[in-house]
């Protein structure tokens, strides 16, 4: 692997930006995942675009996935 040398000041700035990004991304992801499985299914039902079989499969899949845990 190649090495790149940057000034310490620039490295510190990039490190701070990286930490800020991780913090924001973590909060955003947590906010997205707050919807319950029931709420997700209700939102899908409201559109009128999906069959009962699809909605059932979606609910079963969400319950088995890491989303439901």
PDB file of N, CA and C in Angstrom:
ATOM      1  N   UNK A   1       0.840  -1.168   0.000  1.00  0.00           N
ATOM      2  CA  UNK A   1       0.000   0.000   0.000  1.00  0.00           C
ATOM      3  C   UNK A   1       0.888   1.235   0.000  1.00  0.00           C
ATOM      4  N   UNK A   2       0.458   2.236  -0.709  1.00  0.00           N
ATOM      5  CA  UNK A   2       1.218   3.491  -0.786  1.00  0.00           C
ATOM      6  C   UNK A   2       0.936   4.356   0.427  1.00  0.00           C
ATOM      7  N   UNK A   3       1.874   5.192   0.746  1.00  0.00           N
ATOM      8  CA  UNK A   3       1.721   6.125   1.849  1.00  0.00           C
ATOM      9  C   UNK A   3       1.562   7.528   1.305  1.00  0.00           C
ATOM     10  N   UNK A   4       0.736   8.302   2.007  1.00  0.00           N
ATOM     11  CA  UNK A   4       0.569   9.708   1.684  1.00  0.00           C
ATOM     12  C   UNK A   4       0.887  10.493   2.945  1.00  0.00           C
ATOM     13  N   UNK A   5       1.660  11.538   2.802  1.00  0.00           N
ATOM     14  CA  UNK A   5       2.022  12.366   3.943  1.00  0.00           C
ATOM     15  C   UNK A   5       1.263  13.686   3.841  1.00  0.00           C
ATOM     16  N   UNK A   6       0.579  14.021   4.940  1.00  0.00           N
ATOM     17  CA  UNK A   6      -0.139  15.295   5.000  1.00  0.00           C
ATOM     18  C   UNK A   6       0.264  16.018   6.282  1.00  0.00           C
ATOM     19  N   UNK A   7       0.096  17.298   6.291  1.00  0.00           N
ATOM     20  CA  UNK A   7       0.438  18.047   7.514  1.00  0.00           C
ATOM     21  C   UNK A   7      -0.444  17.602   8.687  1.00  0.00           C
ATOM     22  N   UNK A   8       0.123  17.687   9.886  1.00  0.00           N
ATOM     23  CA  UNK A   8      -0.583  17.261  11.092  1.00  0.00           C
ATOM     24  C   UNK A   8      -1.886  18.036  11.274  1.00  0.00           C
ATOM     25  N   UNK A   9      -1.882  19.313  10.952  1.00  0.00           N
ATOM     26  CA  UNK A   9      -3.080  20.144  11.090  1.00  0.00           C
ATOM     27  C   UNK A   9      -4.207  19.624  10.181  1.00  0.00           C
ATOM     28  N   UNK A  10      -3.865  19.282   8.967  1.00  0.00           N
ATOM     29  CA  UNK A  10      -4.856  18.746   8.029  1.00  0.00           C
ATOM     30  C   UNK A  10      -5.364  17.384   8.505  1.00  0.00           C
ATOM     31  N   UNK A  11      -4.466  16.553   9.014  1.00  0.00           N
ATOM     32  CA  UNK A  11      -4.857  15.254   9.549  1.00  0.00           C
ATOM     33  C   UNK A  11      -5.845  15.419  10.707  1.00  0.00           C
ATOM     34  N   UNK A  12      -5.560  16.353  11.597  1.00  0.00           N
ATOM     35  CA  UNK A  12      -6.447  16.597  12.732  1.00  0.00           C
ATOM     36  C   UNK A  12      -7.824  17.045  12.265  1.00  0.00           C
ATOM     37  N   UNK A  13      -7.857  17.906  11.258  1.00  0.00           N
ATOM     38  CA  UNK A  13      -9.133  18.380  10.727  1.00  0.00           C
ATOM     39  C   UNK A  13      -9.917  17.225  10.095  1.00  0.00           C
ATOM     40  N   UNK A  14      -9.250  16.405   9.320  1.00  0.00           N
ATOM     41  CA  UNK A  14      -9.914  15.259   8.699  1.00  0.00           C
ATOM     42  C   UNK A  14     -10.427  14.276   9.736  1.00  0.00           C
ATOM     43  N   UNK A  15      -9.667  14.082  10.789  1.00  0.00           N
ATOM     44  CA  UNK A  15     -10.083  13.177  11.857  1.00  0.00           C
ATOM     45  C   UNK A  15     -11.333  13.716  12.555  1.00  0.00           C
ATOM     46  N   UNK A  16     -11.375  15.018  12.830  1.00  0.00           N
ATOM     47  CA  UNK A  16     -12.552  15.634  13.454  1.00  0.00           C
ATOM     48  C   UNK A  16     -13.775  15.498  12.549  1.00  0.00           C
ATOM     49  N   UNK A  17     -13.591  15.706  11.258  1.00  0.00           N
ATOM     50  CA  UNK A  17     -14.696  15.572  10.311  1.00  0.00           C
ATOM     51  C   UNK A  17     -15.212  14.139  10.281  1.00  0.00           C
ATOM     52  N   UNK A  18     -14.304  13.194  10.315  1.00  0.00           N
ATOM     53  CA  UNK A  18     -14.675  11.779  10.315  1.00  0.00           C
ATOM     54  C   UNK A  18     -15.492  11.434  11.557  1.00  0.00           C
ATOM     55  N   UNK A  19     -15.055  11.908  12.703  1.00  0.00           N
ATOM     56  CA  UNK A  19     -15.771  11.635  13.950  1.00  0.00           C
ATOM     57  C   UNK A  19     -17.151  12.293  13.935  1.00  0.00           C
ATOM     58  N   UNK A  20     -17.240  13.497  13.400  1.00  0.00           N
ATOM     59  CA  UNK A  20     -18.529  14.190  13.310  1.00  0.00           C
ATOM     60  C   UNK A  20     -19.471  13.436  12.376  1.00  0.00           C
ATOM     61  N   UNK A  21     -18.937  12.963  11.257  1.00  0.00           N
ATOM     62  CA  UNK A  21     -19.751  12.197  10.306  1.00  0.00           C
ATOM     63  C   UNK A  21     -20.287  10.930  10.961  1.00  0.00           C
ATOM     64  N   UNK A  22     -19.438  10.204  11.668  1.00  0.00           N
ATOM     65  CA  UNK A  22     -19.873   8.972  12.336  1.00  0.00           C
ATOM     66  C   UNK A  22     -20.975   9.255  13.347  1.00  0.00           C
ATOM     67  N   UNK A  23     -20.833  10.348  14.074  1.00  0.00           N
ATOM     68  CA  UNK A  23     -21.826  10.727  15.086  1.00  0.00           C
ATOM     69  C   UNK A  23     -23.169  11.053  14.425  1.00  0.00           C
ATOM     70  N   UNK A  24     -23.132  11.858  13.373  1.00  0.00           N
ATOM     71  CA  UNK A  24     -24.357  12.242  12.669  1.00  0.00           C
ATOM     72  C   UNK A  24     -25.000  11.027  12.007  1.00  0.00           C
ATOM     73  N   UNK A  25     -24.201  10.205  11.344  1.00  0.00           N
ATOM     74  CA  UNK A  25     -24.735   9.024  10.673  1.00  0.00           C
ATOM     75  C   UNK A  25     -25.374   8.075  11.680  1.00  0.00           C
ATOM     76  N   UNK A  26     -24.761   7.917  12.832  1.00  0.00           N
ATOM     77  CA  UNK A  26     -25.323   7.043  13.862  1.00  0.00           C
ATOM     78  C   UNK A  26     -26.664   7.547  14.357  1.00  0.00           C
ATOM     79  N   UNK A  27     -26.774   8.843  14.558  1.00  0.00           N
ATOM     80  CA  UNK A  27     -28.046   9.430  15.014  1.00  0.00           C
ATOM     81  C   UNK A  27     -29.108   9.329  13.932  1.00  0.00           C
ATOM     82  N   UNK A  28     -28.723   9.572  12.684  1.00  0.00           N
ATOM     83  CA  UNK A  28     -29.674   9.491  11.584  1.00  0.00           C
ATOM     84  C   UNK A  28     -30.198   8.071  11.444  1.00  0.00           C
ATOM     85  N   UNK A  29     -29.305   7.103  11.496  1.00  0.00           N
ATOM     86  CA  UNK A  29     -29.724   5.707  11.384  1.00  0.00           C
ATOM     87  C   UNK A  29     -30.657   5.332  12.522  1.00  0.00           C
ATOM     88  N   UNK A  30     -30.350   5.774  13.726  1.00  0.00           N
ATOM     89  CA  UNK A  30     -31.202   5.473  14.876  1.00  0.00           C
ATOM     90  C   UNK A  30     -32.582   6.084  14.694  1.00  0.00           C
ATOM     91  N   UNK A  31     -32.658   7.267  14.109  1.00  0.00           N
ATOM     92  CA  UNK A  31     -33.948   7.925  13.887  1.00  0.00           C
ATOM     93  C   UNK A  31     -34.764   7.176  12.840  1.00  0.00           C
ATOM     94  N   UNK A  32     -34.106   6.673  11.824  1.00  0.00           N
ATOM     95  CA  UNK A  32     -34.803   5.935  10.767  1.00  0.00           C
ATOM     96  C   UNK A  32     -35.369   4.630  11.300  1.00  0.00           C
ATOM     97  N   UNK A  33     -34.650   3.965  12.142  1.00  0.00           N
ATOM     98  CA  UNK A  33     -35.038   2.649  12.626  1.00  0.00           C
ATOM     99  C   UNK A  33     -36.105   2.722  13.717  1.00  0.00           C
ATOM    100  N   UNK A  34     -36.494   3.895  14.144  1.00  0.00           N
ATOM    101  CA  UNK A  34     -37.446   4.024  15.230  1.00  0.00           C
ATOM    102  C   UNK A  34     -38.852   3.554  14.865  1.00  0.00           C
ATOM    103  N   UNK A  35     -39.218   3.519  13.597  1.00  0.00           N
ATOM    104  CA  UNK A  35     -40.548   3.062  13.205  1.00  0.00           C
ATOM    105  C   UNK A  35     -40.717   1.591  13.559  1.00  0.00           C
ATOM    106  N   UNK A  36     -41.865   1.284  14.148  1.00  0.00           N
ATOM    107  CA  UNK A  36     -42.136  -0.113  14.472  1.00  0.00           C
ATOM    108  C   UNK A  36     -42.501  -0.868  13.190  1.00  0.00           C
ATOM    109  N   UNK A  37     -42.402  -2.156  13.241  1.00  0.00           N
ATOM    110  CA  UNK A  37     -42.760  -2.981  12.090  1.00  0.00           C
ATOM    111  C   UNK A  37     -44.217  -2.746  11.725  1.00  0.00           C
ATOM    112  N   UNK A  38     -45.072  -2.634  12.728  1.00  0.00           N
ATOM    113  CA  UNK A  38     -46.489  -2.403  12.481  1.00  0.00           C
ATOM    114  C   UNK A  38     -46.711  -1.094  11.716  1.00  0.00           C
ATOM    115  N   UNK A  39     -45.981  -0.043  12.105  1.00  0.00           N
ATOM    116  CA  UNK A  39     -46.102   1.249  11.423  1.00  0.00           C
ATOM    117  C   UNK A  39     -45.640   1.156   9.972  1.00  0.00           C
ATOM    118  N   UNK A  40     -44.589   0.407   9.734  1.00  0.00           N
ATOM    119  CA  UNK A  40     -44.084   0.232   8.370  1.00  0.00           C
ATOM    120  C   UNK A  40     -45.144  -0.469   7.519  1.00  0.00           C
ATOM    121  N   UNK A  41     -45.731  -1.531   8.045  1.00  0.00           N
ATOM    122  CA  UNK A  41     -46.750  -2.277   7.307  1.00  0.00           C
ATOM    123  C   UNK A  41     -47.961  -1.391   7.037  1.00  0.00           C
ATOM    124  N   UNK A  42     -48.388  -0.621   8.022  1.00  0.00           N
ATOM    125  CA  UNK A  42     -49.527   0.287   7.842  1.00  0.00           C
ATOM    126  C   UNK A  42     -49.237   1.295   6.727  1.00  0.00           C
ATOM    127  N   UNK A  43     -48.031   1.845   6.710  1.00  0.00           N
ATOM    128  CA  UNK A  43     -47.663   2.797   5.656  1.00  0.00           C
ATOM    129  C   UNK A  43     -47.726   2.154   4.278  1.00  0.00           C
ATOM    130  N   UNK A  44     -47.266   0.920   4.170  1.00  0.00           N
ATOM    131  CA  UNK A  44     -47.337   0.211   2.893  1.00  0.00           C
ATOM    132  C   UNK A  44     -48.790  -0.039   2.503  1.00  0.00           C
ATOM    133  N   UNK A  45     -49.625  -0.443   3.455  1.00  0.00           N
ATOM    134  CA  UNK A  45     -51.039  -0.706   3.182  1.00  0.00           C
ATOM    135  C   UNK A  45     -51.744   0.547   2.682  1.00  0.00           C
ATOM    136  N   UNK A  46     -51.434   1.688   3.268  1.00  0.00           N
ATOM    137  CA  UNK A  46     -52.089   2.950   2.915  1.00  0.00           C
ATOM    138  C   UNK A  46     -51.915   3.310   1.446  1.00  0.00           C
ATOM    139  N   UNK A  47     -50.833   2.865   0.829  1.00  0.00           N
ATOM    140  CA  UNK A  47     -50.596   3.219  -0.571  1.00  0.00           C
ATOM    141  C   UNK A  47     -51.553   2.499  -1.506  1.00  0.00           C
ATOM    142  N   UNK A  48     -52.058   1.339  -1.076  1.00  0.00           N
ATOM    143  CA  UNK A  48     -52.949   0.560  -1.928  1.00  0.00           C
ATOM    144  C   UNK A  48     -52.253  -0.112  -3.098  1.00  0.00           C
ATOM    145  N   UNK A  49     -50.953  -0.147  -3.083  1.00  0.00           N
ATOM    146  CA  UNK A  49     -50.176  -0.694  -4.198  1.00  0.00           C
ATOM    147  C   UNK A  49     -49.761  -2.153  -4.010  1.00  0.00           C
ATOM    148  N   UNK A  50     -49.927  -2.696  -2.807  1.00  0.00           N
ATOM    149  CA  UNK A  50     -49.347  -3.997  -2.500  1.00  0.00           C
ATOM    150  C   UNK A  50     -50.427  -5.013  -2.135  1.00  0.00           C
ATOM    151  N   UNK A  51     -50.193  -6.258  -2.534  1.00  0.00           N
ATOM    152  CA  UNK A  51     -51.145  -7.332  -2.229  1.00  0.00           C
ATOM    153  C   UNK A  51     -51.015  -7.761  -0.775  1.00  0.00           C
ATOM    154  N   UNK A  52     -52.039  -8.458  -0.299  1.00  0.00           N
ATOM    155  CA  UNK A  52     -52.002  -8.965   1.073  1.00  0.00           C
ATOM    156  C   UNK A  52     -50.848  -9.947   1.254  1.00  0.00           C
ATOM    157  N   UNK A  53     -50.600 -10.764   0.231  1.00  0.00           N
ATOM    158  CA  UNK A  53     -49.486 -11.723   0.313  1.00  0.00           C
ATOM    159  C   UNK A  53     -48.143 -11.006   0.431  1.00  0.00           C
ATOM    160  N   UNK A  54     -47.974  -9.935  -0.356  1.00  0.00           N
ATOM    161  CA  UNK A  54     -46.724  -9.182  -0.280  1.00  0.00           C
ATOM    162  C   UNK A  54     -46.558  -8.579   1.109  1.00  0.00           C
ATOM    163  N   UNK A  55     -47.619  -7.959   1.620  1.00  0.00           N
ATOM    164  CA  UNK A  55     -47.549  -7.325   2.939  1.00  0.00           C
ATOM    165  C   UNK A  55     -47.250  -8.346   4.028  1.00  0.00           C
ATOM    166  N   UNK A  56     -47.820  -9.528   3.904  1.00  0.00           N
ATOM    167  CA  UNK A  56     -47.557 -10.595   4.867  1.00  0.00           C
ATOM    168  C   UNK A  56     -46.095 -11.027   4.802  1.00  0.00           C
ATOM    169  N   UNK A  57     -45.595 -11.207   3.574  1.00  0.00           N
ATOM    170  CA  UNK A  57     -44.185 -11.579   3.397  1.00  0.00           C
ATOM    171  C   UNK A  57     -43.257 -10.485   3.912  1.00  0.00           C
ATOM    172  N   UNK A  58     -43.622  -9.233   3.657  1.00  0.00           N
ATOM    173  CA  UNK A  58     -42.816  -8.114   4.135  1.00  0.00           C
ATOM    174  C   UNK A  58     -42.752  -8.121   5.659  1.00  0.00           C
ATOM    175  N   UNK A  59     -43.898  -8.286   6.299  1.00  0.00           N
ATOM    176  CA  UNK A  59     -43.927  -8.309   7.762  1.00  0.00           C
ATOM    177  C   UNK A  59     -43.106  -9.467   8.318  1.00  0.00           C
ATOM    178  N   UNK A  60     -43.269 -10.643   7.731  1.00  0.00           N
ATOM    179  CA  UNK A  60     -42.485 -11.801   8.189  1.00  0.00           C
ATOM    180  C   UNK A  60     -40.987 -11.562   8.009  1.00  0.00           C
ATOM    181  N   UNK A  61     -40.622 -10.983   6.890  1.00  0.00           N
ATOM    182  CA  UNK A  61     -39.205 -10.698   6.620  1.00  0.00           C
ATOM    183  C   UNK A  61     -38.627  -9.685   7.595  1.00  0.00           C
ATOM    184  N   UNK A  62     -39.413  -8.632   7.876  1.00  0.00           N
ATOM    185  CA  UNK A  62     -38.937  -7.622   8.825  1.00  0.00           C
ATOM    186  C   UNK A  62     -38.782  -8.198  10.226  1.00  0.00           C
ATOM    187  N   UNK A  63     -39.700  -9.069  10.617  1.00  0.00           N
ATOM    188  CA  UNK A  63     -39.617  -9.684  11.946  1.00  0.00           C
ATOM    189  C   UNK A  63     -38.391 -10.588  12.076  1.00  0.00           C
ATOM    190  N   UNK A  64     -37.991 -11.214  10.970  1.00  0.00           N
ATOM    191  CA  UNK A  64     -36.827 -12.111  11.001  1.00  0.00           C
ATOM    192  C   UNK A  64     -35.511 -11.351  10.837  1.00  0.00           C
ATOM    193  N   UNK A  65     -35.587 -10.138  10.307  1.00  0.00           N
ATOM    194  CA  UNK A  65     -34.364  -9.390  10.000  1.00  0.00           C
ATOM    195  C   UNK A  65     -33.833  -8.658  11.240  1.00  0.00           C
ATOM    196  N   UNK A  66     -32.663  -8.072  11.080  1.00  0.00           N
ATOM    197  CA  UNK A  66     -32.082  -7.284  12.158  1.00  0.00           C
ATOM    198  C   UNK A  66     -32.876  -6.012  12.413  1.00  0.00           C
ATOM    199  N   UNK A  67     -33.703  -5.594  11.460  1.00  0.00           N
ATOM    200  CA  UNK A  67     -34.540  -4.408  11.620  1.00  0.00           C
ATOM    201  C   UNK A  67     -35.495  -4.589  12.796  1.00  0.00           C
ATOM    202  N   UNK A  68     -36.025  -5.794  12.963  1.00  0.00           N
ATOM    203  CA  UNK A  68     -37.001  -6.063  14.008  1.00  0.00           C
ATOM    204  C   UNK A  68     -36.395  -6.283  15.382  1.00  0.00           C
ATOM    205  N   UNK A  69     -35.091  -6.295  15.467  1.00  0.00           N
ATOM    206  CA  UNK A  69     -34.450  -6.606  16.749  1.00  0.00           C
ATOM    207  C   UNK A  69     -33.992  -5.370  17.464  1.00  0.00           C
TER     208      UNK A  69
END
